[in-house]
N, C-alpha and C. Protein backbone atom coordinates (compact mmCIF):
# COMPACT_ATOMS: atom_id res chain seq x y z
N MET A 1 -112.53 58.47 35.51
CA MET A 1 -112.99 57.21 36.09
C MET A 1 -112.60 56.07 35.47
N PHE A 2 -112.21 55.07 36.25
CA PHE A 2 -111.66 53.58 35.39
C PHE A 2 -112.68 52.53 35.67
N MET A 3 -113.18 51.93 34.80
CA MET A 3 -114.05 50.82 34.79
C MET A 3 -114.01 49.82 33.83
N GLY A 4 -114.35 48.52 34.07
CA GLY A 4 -114.35 47.61 33.23
C GLY A 4 -113.36 46.67 33.90
N GLU A 5 -113.36 45.32 33.00
CA GLU A 5 -112.40 44.05 33.66
C GLU A 5 -111.44 43.72 32.26
N TYR A 6 -110.41 43.41 32.57
CA TYR A 6 -109.61 43.05 31.15
C TYR A 6 -108.64 41.78 31.45
N LYS A 7 -108.83 40.80 30.55
CA LYS A 7 -107.85 39.67 30.99
C LYS A 7 -106.38 39.88 30.40
N HIS A 8 -105.78 39.82 30.88
CA HIS A 8 -104.13 39.95 30.21
C HIS A 8 -103.03 38.98 30.66
N ASN A 9 -102.07 38.81 30.29
CA ASN A 9 -100.99 37.90 30.68
C ASN A 9 -99.71 38.74 31.32
N ILE A 10 -99.13 38.57 32.05
CA ILE A 10 -97.63 39.02 32.23
C ILE A 10 -96.62 38.27 31.86
N ASP A 11 -95.73 38.79 30.51
CA ASP A 11 -94.84 37.97 30.11
C ASP A 11 -93.53 37.74 30.95
N THR A 12 -92.75 36.92 30.67
CA THR A 12 -91.55 36.14 31.43
C THR A 12 -90.68 37.45 31.74
N LYS A 13 -90.71 38.57 31.25
CA LYS A 13 -89.82 39.86 31.68
C LYS A 13 -90.58 40.84 32.48
N GLY A 14 -92.27 40.37 33.13
CA GLY A 14 -92.77 41.05 34.10
C GLY A 14 -93.31 42.15 33.29
N ARG A 15 -93.80 42.11 32.01
CA ARG A 15 -94.58 43.09 31.19
C ARG A 15 -95.80 42.81 31.20
N LEU A 16 -96.58 43.76 31.59
CA LEU A 16 -98.19 43.67 31.27
C LEU A 16 -98.70 45.13 30.43
N ILE A 17 -99.62 44.55 29.55
CA ILE A 17 -100.20 45.55 28.52
C ILE A 17 -101.34 46.14 29.23
N VAL A 18 -101.38 47.36 29.48
CA VAL A 18 -102.33 48.06 30.37
C VAL A 18 -103.57 48.57 29.13
N PRO A 19 -104.60 48.09 29.61
CA PRO A 19 -105.87 48.30 28.84
C PRO A 19 -105.85 49.52 28.18
N SER A 20 -106.02 49.59 26.71
CA SER A 20 -106.07 50.68 26.04
C SER A 20 -107.21 51.91 26.57
N LYS A 21 -108.30 51.36 27.18
CA LYS A 21 -109.33 52.17 27.67
C LYS A 21 -108.58 52.93 29.13
N PHE A 22 -107.44 52.30 29.53
CA PHE A 22 -106.89 53.06 30.82
C PHE A 22 -105.60 53.85 30.84
N ARG A 23 -105.14 53.82 29.34
CA ARG A 23 -104.34 54.45 29.13
C ARG A 23 -104.16 56.00 29.18
N ASP A 24 -105.33 56.49 28.65
CA ASP A 24 -105.48 57.98 28.78
C ASP A 24 -105.74 58.60 30.37
N GLY A 25 -106.43 57.69 31.04
CA GLY A 25 -106.55 58.09 32.26
C GLY A 25 -105.04 58.07 32.93
N LEU A 26 -104.33 57.11 32.94
CA LEU A 26 -102.99 56.79 33.83
C LEU A 26 -102.16 57.67 32.88
N ALA A 27 -102.05 58.30 31.54
CA ALA A 27 -101.25 59.14 31.02
C ALA A 27 -99.97 58.18 30.80
N SER A 28 -98.80 58.60 30.36
CA SER A 28 -97.54 57.79 30.10
C SER A 28 -96.94 57.19 31.20
N ARG A 29 -97.31 57.89 32.49
CA ARG A 29 -96.49 57.47 33.89
C ARG A 29 -97.64 57.45 34.79
N PHE A 30 -97.40 56.52 35.59
CA PHE A 30 -98.45 56.17 36.93
C PHE A 30 -97.50 55.41 37.98
N ILE A 31 -98.40 55.33 38.92
CA ILE A 31 -97.60 54.84 40.20
C ILE A 31 -98.57 53.44 40.58
N ILE A 32 -97.66 52.51 40.65
CA ILE A 32 -98.37 50.95 41.10
C ILE A 32 -97.64 50.74 42.36
N THR A 33 -98.41 49.95 43.12
CA THR A 33 -98.16 49.93 44.56
C THR A 33 -98.70 48.56 45.15
N ARG A 34 -98.62 48.09 46.12
CA ARG A 34 -99.54 47.24 46.76
C ARG A 34 -100.78 47.73 46.94
N GLY A 35 -101.78 46.88 46.55
CA GLY A 35 -103.22 47.29 46.79
C GLY A 35 -103.78 46.61 48.36
N LEU A 36 -105.01 46.61 48.46
CA LEU A 36 -105.75 45.97 49.52
C LEU A 36 -106.33 44.80 48.96
N ASP A 37 -106.07 43.66 49.88
CA ASP A 37 -107.04 42.37 49.62
C ASP A 37 -106.05 41.44 48.54
N GLY A 38 -104.80 41.90 48.30
CA GLY A 38 -103.86 40.99 47.89
C GLY A 38 -103.75 41.40 46.11
N CYS A 39 -104.07 42.75 46.03
CA CYS A 39 -103.95 43.11 44.36
C CYS A 39 -102.78 43.98 44.24
N LEU A 40 -102.64 44.37 43.36
CA LEU A 40 -101.87 45.71 42.85
C LEU A 40 -102.82 46.80 42.45
N ALA A 41 -102.40 48.48 43.02
CA ALA A 41 -103.17 49.19 42.79
C ALA A 41 -102.43 50.32 41.98
N GLY A 42 -102.78 50.80 40.78
CA GLY A 42 -102.31 51.69 40.05
C GLY A 42 -102.83 53.16 40.06
N TYR A 43 -102.16 54.42 40.11
CA TYR A 43 -102.85 55.50 40.58
C TYR A 43 -102.21 56.47 39.23
N SER A 44 -103.02 57.52 38.56
CA SER A 44 -102.36 58.31 37.93
C SER A 44 -101.50 59.12 38.90
N LEU A 45 -100.72 59.91 38.26
CA LEU A 45 -99.90 60.82 39.16
C LEU A 45 -100.94 61.66 39.86
N GLU A 46 -101.47 62.38 39.30
CA GLU A 46 -102.69 63.30 39.90
C GLU A 46 -103.47 62.57 41.06
N GLU A 47 -103.67 61.26 40.99
CA GLU A 47 -104.64 60.74 41.79
C GLU A 47 -103.29 60.37 42.85
N TRP A 48 -102.54 59.85 42.65
CA TRP A 48 -101.50 59.67 43.81
C TRP A 48 -100.91 60.94 44.62
N GLU A 49 -101.20 62.02 44.08
CA GLU A 49 -100.94 63.43 44.85
C GLU A 49 -102.13 63.34 45.74
N LYS A 50 -103.14 63.15 45.46
CA LYS A 50 -104.46 63.22 46.57
C LYS A 50 -104.23 62.02 47.66
N MET A 51 -103.73 60.82 47.17
CA MET A 51 -103.37 59.98 48.21
C MET A 51 -102.35 60.13 48.97
N GLU A 52 -101.29 60.98 48.63
CA GLU A 52 -100.33 61.41 49.36
C GLU A 52 -100.79 62.16 50.36
N THR A 53 -101.93 63.19 50.12
CA THR A 53 -102.44 64.38 51.05
C THR A 53 -103.18 63.44 52.05
N LYS A 54 -103.81 62.53 51.70
CA LYS A 54 -104.67 61.95 52.78
C LYS A 54 -103.68 61.15 53.77
N ILE A 55 -102.74 60.56 53.13
CA ILE A 55 -101.91 59.63 53.98
C ILE A 55 -100.89 60.63 54.88
N GLU A 56 -100.51 61.91 54.48
CA GLU A 56 -100.04 62.64 55.29
C GLU A 56 -100.82 63.09 56.39
N GLU A 57 -102.08 62.91 56.39
CA GLU A 57 -102.99 63.29 57.60
C GLU A 57 -103.15 62.16 58.64
N LEU A 58 -102.74 60.93 58.28
CA LEU A 58 -102.75 60.28 59.51
C LEU A 58 -101.89 60.25 60.40
N PRO A 59 -102.36 59.85 61.61
CA PRO A 59 -101.72 60.04 62.60
C PRO A 59 -100.48 59.36 63.04
N PHE A 60 -99.30 59.94 62.97
CA PHE A 60 -98.17 59.17 62.71
C PHE A 60 -97.97 58.60 64.13
N SER A 61 -98.41 59.11 65.43
CA SER A 61 -98.19 58.40 66.40
C SER A 61 -99.00 57.10 66.71
N LYS A 62 -99.58 56.69 65.59
CA LYS A 62 -100.62 55.45 65.92
C LYS A 62 -99.75 54.36 64.95
N LYS A 63 -99.48 53.11 65.54
CA LYS A 63 -98.89 52.26 65.06
C LYS A 63 -99.26 51.78 63.64
N GLN A 64 -100.90 51.70 63.56
CA GLN A 64 -101.37 51.33 62.31
C GLN A 64 -101.18 52.19 61.10
N SER A 65 -101.24 53.41 61.64
CA SER A 65 -100.95 54.28 60.51
C SER A 65 -99.37 54.30 59.93
N ARG A 66 -98.49 54.37 60.89
CA ARG A 66 -97.04 54.03 60.45
C ARG A 66 -97.11 52.60 59.30
N ASN A 67 -97.61 51.58 59.87
CA ASN A 67 -97.39 50.50 59.44
C ASN A 67 -97.91 50.67 58.00
N PHE A 68 -99.27 51.02 57.89
CA PHE A 68 -99.80 51.26 56.52
C PHE A 68 -98.89 52.19 55.74
N ILE A 69 -98.56 53.09 56.20
CA ILE A 69 -97.33 54.13 55.52
C ILE A 69 -96.31 53.37 54.81
N ARG A 70 -95.60 52.50 55.51
CA ARG A 70 -94.51 51.46 55.31
C ARG A 70 -95.21 50.43 54.37
N PHE A 71 -96.18 50.08 54.54
CA PHE A 71 -97.07 49.12 53.51
C PHE A 71 -97.26 49.77 52.04
N PHE A 72 -97.55 50.81 52.05
CA PHE A 72 -98.20 51.46 50.99
C PHE A 72 -96.88 52.14 50.06
N TYR A 73 -96.12 52.73 50.61
CA TYR A 73 -95.00 53.71 50.03
C TYR A 73 -93.65 52.67 49.74
N SER A 74 -93.54 51.51 50.65
CA SER A 74 -92.06 50.65 50.39
C SER A 74 -92.14 49.93 48.92
N ALA A 75 -93.32 49.67 48.37
CA ALA A 75 -93.43 48.79 47.18
C ALA A 75 -93.81 50.04 46.05
N ALA A 76 -93.84 51.16 46.43
CA ALA A 76 -94.69 52.12 45.33
C ALA A 76 -93.47 52.20 44.23
N THR A 77 -93.90 52.21 42.87
CA THR A 77 -92.94 52.19 41.75
C THR A 77 -93.47 53.23 40.89
N GLU A 78 -92.92 54.06 40.26
CA GLU A 78 -93.36 54.78 38.98
C GLU A 78 -93.22 53.94 37.67
N CYS A 79 -94.17 53.78 37.09
CA CYS A 79 -94.03 53.15 35.63
C CYS A 79 -94.37 53.80 34.41
N GLU A 80 -93.66 53.66 33.39
CA GLU A 80 -93.70 54.18 32.23
C GLU A 80 -94.49 53.36 31.35
N ILE A 81 -95.62 53.71 30.52
CA ILE A 81 -95.94 52.75 29.56
C ILE A 81 -95.01 53.07 28.30
N ASP A 82 -94.56 51.80 27.67
CA ASP A 82 -94.01 51.73 26.56
C ASP A 82 -95.14 52.03 25.16
N LYS A 83 -94.54 51.88 24.21
CA LYS A 83 -94.74 52.05 22.68
C LYS A 83 -95.84 51.18 22.57
N GLN A 84 -95.65 49.64 23.00
CA GLN A 84 -96.48 48.77 22.88
C GLN A 84 -97.42 48.77 23.82
N GLY A 85 -97.86 49.89 24.97
CA GLY A 85 -98.79 49.77 25.69
C GLY A 85 -98.58 49.04 26.95
N ARG A 86 -97.31 48.60 27.31
CA ARG A 86 -96.86 47.78 28.28
C ARG A 86 -96.22 48.56 29.50
N VAL A 87 -96.34 47.82 30.53
CA VAL A 87 -95.40 48.42 31.62
C VAL A 87 -94.69 47.14 32.20
N ASN A 88 -93.47 47.68 33.09
CA ASN A 88 -93.09 46.65 33.71
C ASN A 88 -93.61 46.60 35.32
N ILE A 89 -93.81 45.14 35.91
CA ILE A 89 -94.37 45.24 37.04
C ILE A 89 -93.19 44.49 37.94
N PRO A 90 -92.53 45.12 39.02
CA PRO A 90 -91.20 44.75 39.65
C PRO A 90 -91.78 43.31 40.26
N PRO A 91 -90.73 42.38 40.57
CA PRO A 91 -90.96 41.12 41.01
C PRO A 91 -91.48 41.31 42.43
N THR A 92 -91.17 42.22 43.15
CA THR A 92 -91.65 41.86 44.61
C THR A 92 -93.02 42.37 44.45
N LEU A 93 -93.80 43.08 43.58
CA LEU A 93 -95.20 43.47 43.51
C LEU A 93 -95.76 42.50 42.73
N ARG A 94 -95.28 41.44 41.96
CA ARG A 94 -95.86 40.39 41.14
C ARG A 94 -95.99 39.06 42.29
N GLU A 95 -94.80 39.18 43.23
CA GLU A 95 -94.92 38.27 44.41
C GLU A 95 -96.09 38.50 45.02
N TYR A 96 -96.03 39.75 45.53
CA TYR A 96 -96.95 40.18 46.77
C TYR A 96 -98.64 39.65 46.22
N ALA A 97 -98.80 40.02 44.88
CA ALA A 97 -100.29 39.97 44.12
C ALA A 97 -100.29 38.38 43.87
N GLY A 98 -99.45 37.42 43.86
CA GLY A 98 -99.39 36.39 43.45
C GLY A 98 -99.39 35.88 41.88
N ILE A 99 -99.07 37.19 41.34
CA ILE A 99 -99.07 36.95 39.73
C ILE A 99 -97.68 36.34 39.02
N SER A 100 -98.24 35.21 38.34
CA SER A 100 -97.15 34.88 37.64
C SER A 100 -97.40 34.76 35.84
N LYS A 101 -98.55 34.67 35.66
CA LYS A 101 -98.85 34.83 34.22
C LYS A 101 -100.20 35.54 34.03
N GLU A 102 -101.32 34.71 34.18
CA GLU A 102 -102.64 35.38 33.97
C GLU A 102 -103.09 36.28 35.16
N CYS A 103 -103.59 37.38 34.53
CA CYS A 103 -104.10 38.48 35.34
C CYS A 103 -105.18 39.12 34.80
N VAL A 104 -105.85 39.73 35.68
CA VAL A 104 -107.41 40.63 35.29
C VAL A 104 -106.93 42.07 35.85
N VAL A 105 -106.98 43.01 34.90
CA VAL A 105 -106.84 44.39 35.33
C VAL A 105 -108.25 45.02 35.18
N ILE A 106 -108.53 45.59 36.30
CA ILE A 106 -109.98 46.36 36.48
C ILE A 106 -110.06 47.62 36.97
N GLY A 107 -111.11 48.52 36.33
CA GLY A 107 -111.28 50.03 36.64
C GLY A 107 -111.93 49.82 38.14
N ALA A 108 -111.15 50.50 38.79
CA ALA A 108 -112.08 50.77 40.34
C ALA A 108 -112.38 52.19 40.50
N SER A 109 -112.97 52.76 39.90
CA SER A 109 -113.27 54.29 39.95
C SER A 109 -111.95 55.24 39.88
N LYS A 110 -111.28 55.55 40.72
CA LYS A 110 -110.22 56.46 40.81
C LYS A 110 -108.74 55.75 40.58
N HIS A 111 -108.61 54.28 40.47
CA HIS A 111 -107.66 53.67 40.50
C HIS A 111 -107.79 52.49 39.62
N ILE A 112 -106.76 51.87 39.10
CA ILE A 112 -106.71 50.40 38.66
C ILE A 112 -106.43 49.62 39.44
N GLU A 113 -106.88 48.52 39.23
CA GLU A 113 -106.03 46.88 40.09
C GLU A 113 -105.92 45.93 39.16
N VAL A 114 -104.66 45.15 39.58
CA VAL A 114 -104.32 44.12 38.87
C VAL A 114 -104.25 42.95 39.81
N TRP A 115 -105.15 42.09 39.47
CA TRP A 115 -105.30 40.84 40.17
C TRP A 115 -104.60 39.67 39.46
N ASP A 116 -104.18 38.86 40.39
CA ASP A 116 -103.98 37.35 39.85
C ASP A 116 -105.26 36.95 39.40
N LYS A 117 -105.35 36.06 38.34
CA LYS A 117 -106.91 35.72 37.80
C LYS A 117 -107.38 34.75 38.77
N ASN A 118 -106.71 33.82 39.33
CA ASN A 118 -107.52 32.89 40.41
C ASN A 118 -107.84 33.68 41.50
N ARG A 119 -107.06 34.67 42.03
CA ARG A 119 -107.44 35.32 43.11
C ARG A 119 -108.55 36.33 42.74
N TRP A 120 -108.99 36.79 41.52
CA TRP A 120 -110.09 37.53 41.10
C TRP A 120 -111.06 36.76 41.22
N GLU A 121 -111.14 35.55 40.61
CA GLU A 121 -112.10 34.37 40.60
C GLU A 121 -112.82 34.20 42.08
N GLU A 122 -111.90 34.19 43.10
CA GLU A 122 -112.33 33.92 44.34
C GLU A 122 -112.73 34.93 44.79
N LEU A 123 -112.41 35.97 44.78
CA LEU A 123 -113.11 37.15 45.51
C LEU A 123 -114.58 37.55 44.55
N GLN A 124 -114.75 37.38 43.21
CA GLN A 124 -115.99 37.38 42.76
C GLN A 124 -117.01 36.41 43.22
N ASN A 125 -116.62 35.33 43.80
CA ASN A 125 -117.52 34.43 44.32
C ASN A 125 -118.16 34.79 45.80
N THR A 126 -117.48 35.98 46.49
CA THR A 126 -117.79 36.51 47.41
C THR A 126 -118.81 37.54 47.25
N PHE A 127 -119.00 37.95 45.89
CA PHE A 127 -119.80 39.10 45.71
C PHE A 127 -121.16 39.06 45.99
N ASP A 128 -121.73 37.90 46.36
CA ASP A 128 -122.93 37.60 46.56
C ASP A 128 -123.33 38.07 47.99
N ASP A 129 -122.37 38.01 48.88
CA ASP A 129 -122.47 38.28 50.16
C ASP A 129 -122.53 39.76 50.44
N LEU A 130 -122.19 40.27 49.44
CA LEU A 130 -122.08 41.86 49.45
C LEU A 130 -123.79 42.39 49.38
N GLU A 131 -124.52 41.42 49.06
CA GLU A 131 -125.76 42.23 48.61
C GLU A 131 -126.43 42.72 49.97
N ASP A 132 -126.25 41.90 51.00
CA ASP A 132 -127.14 42.69 52.36
C ASP A 132 -126.35 43.77 52.98
N THR A 133 -125.09 43.85 52.58
CA THR A 133 -123.90 44.79 52.97
C THR A 133 -124.48 46.21 52.37
N MET A 134 -124.69 46.01 51.00
CA MET A 134 -124.90 47.11 50.01
C MET A 134 -126.59 47.71 50.59
N MET A 135 -127.24 46.92 50.90
CA MET A 135 -128.64 47.38 51.06
C MET A 135 -128.63 48.13 52.42
N ASP A 136 -127.54 47.67 53.21
CA ASP A 136 -127.38 48.64 54.21
C ASP A 136 -126.97 50.31 54.31
N PHE A 137 -126.35 50.07 53.18
CA PHE A 137 -125.78 51.60 52.62
C PHE A 137 -126.74 52.21 51.81
N GLY A 138 -127.89 51.71 51.67
CA GLY A 138 -128.94 52.43 50.77
C GLY A 138 -128.97 51.93 49.41
N PHE A 139 -128.12 50.94 48.81
CA PHE A 139 -128.18 50.42 47.31
C PHE A 139 -129.16 49.27 46.99
């Protein structure tokens, strides 16, 4: 399980240090792609296979399913963690997430997310609104 929040910078070459607490769960190679809500999502190879299985079950006859498949797979990239604990984030993914330098890497249970620092702070401002919704779910 991935949990925690870590502030990092992406260097001018697009490299991001993967928090050391996440490296074991991701192993030396993992998949990163567009995440929902404007972030990037990173999956261990094992978790990626589980996602693929779920995606294969989507009804291809529905336009929303086809669009999700395109969205999810078209930007997916296999990353390899180097000896310094860094991965290279492709420019298309950095552009999608609005990441130019400062970012936040968070644990989100079975995957990690990489957020532009400002987007993450904006999202945190909406957490208070979740209280009523979570109560509806029994929390």
